[in-house]
Amino acid sequence: MAIDAMKKRCAWCGDDPLYVAYHDTEWGVPKHDDRTLFEFLVLEGAQAGLSWITILRKRNGYRELFDHFDAERVAHYSDAELDERLQNPKIVRNRLKVYGARKNARAFLQVQQEWGSFSEYIWHFVDGQAVQNNWSSMRDVPSTSAISNQLSKNMKKRGFTFVGPTIMYAYMQATGMVNDHTEDCFRHAECLSMT
């Protein structure tokens, strides 16, 4: 993807082509596909304590090693299969995070059974509409919100792991439940029109 240097972007994406592509095409875009929502749940959990660019660079490894985020398959991984993945440098080799993917897949499937889809469940926290913010600077963007706190609490009760309020706020940003592009970023208006 060619980077248009003339476009004003959120300061956090810098000029790394991978980061810019993610910013320009994915971040803040409302996502309703359950597989994609599960992918971001695993990736945001893996990111805890690390930079997002680290996770983006390993994203294809996660897709390969976690059956393209098929929650049904991930939920049925044996300990041996998870231990095998822990040896692979294509992903973040953290035992709690790798085992957490299976735990979250199981909780994810339970939510699907109860709500019909994970999308129905997750989006009900914002009444089915993306929260539209109008920040003038990245310094204004919070790391949590009342909704991410509520979401985190509810998900923990359902057995999810790596779903603290900060992780869930990042999840909301990534899946377009909240539009946190700064007002001067060209994507702010574009994402606003997607609701």
Foldseek 3Di string as FASTA:
>chain_A
DDDDPVFDFAPVQPPDVLSVCLRVPFFQAADQDQQVLLLLLLLLLQCVVHDSVVSSQLSVVCCVLCVNSPLVVLLPDDPVSLVVSLVDPSGRNDSCSSVLSNQQSVLLVVVCVVQVHVSSVVLVLLPVAAAQDAAQHPVPDDQFDPSLCVVLVVSVVSRHPSSHRSSSVSSCRRNNSYPPIYPSGPCSVVSVVND
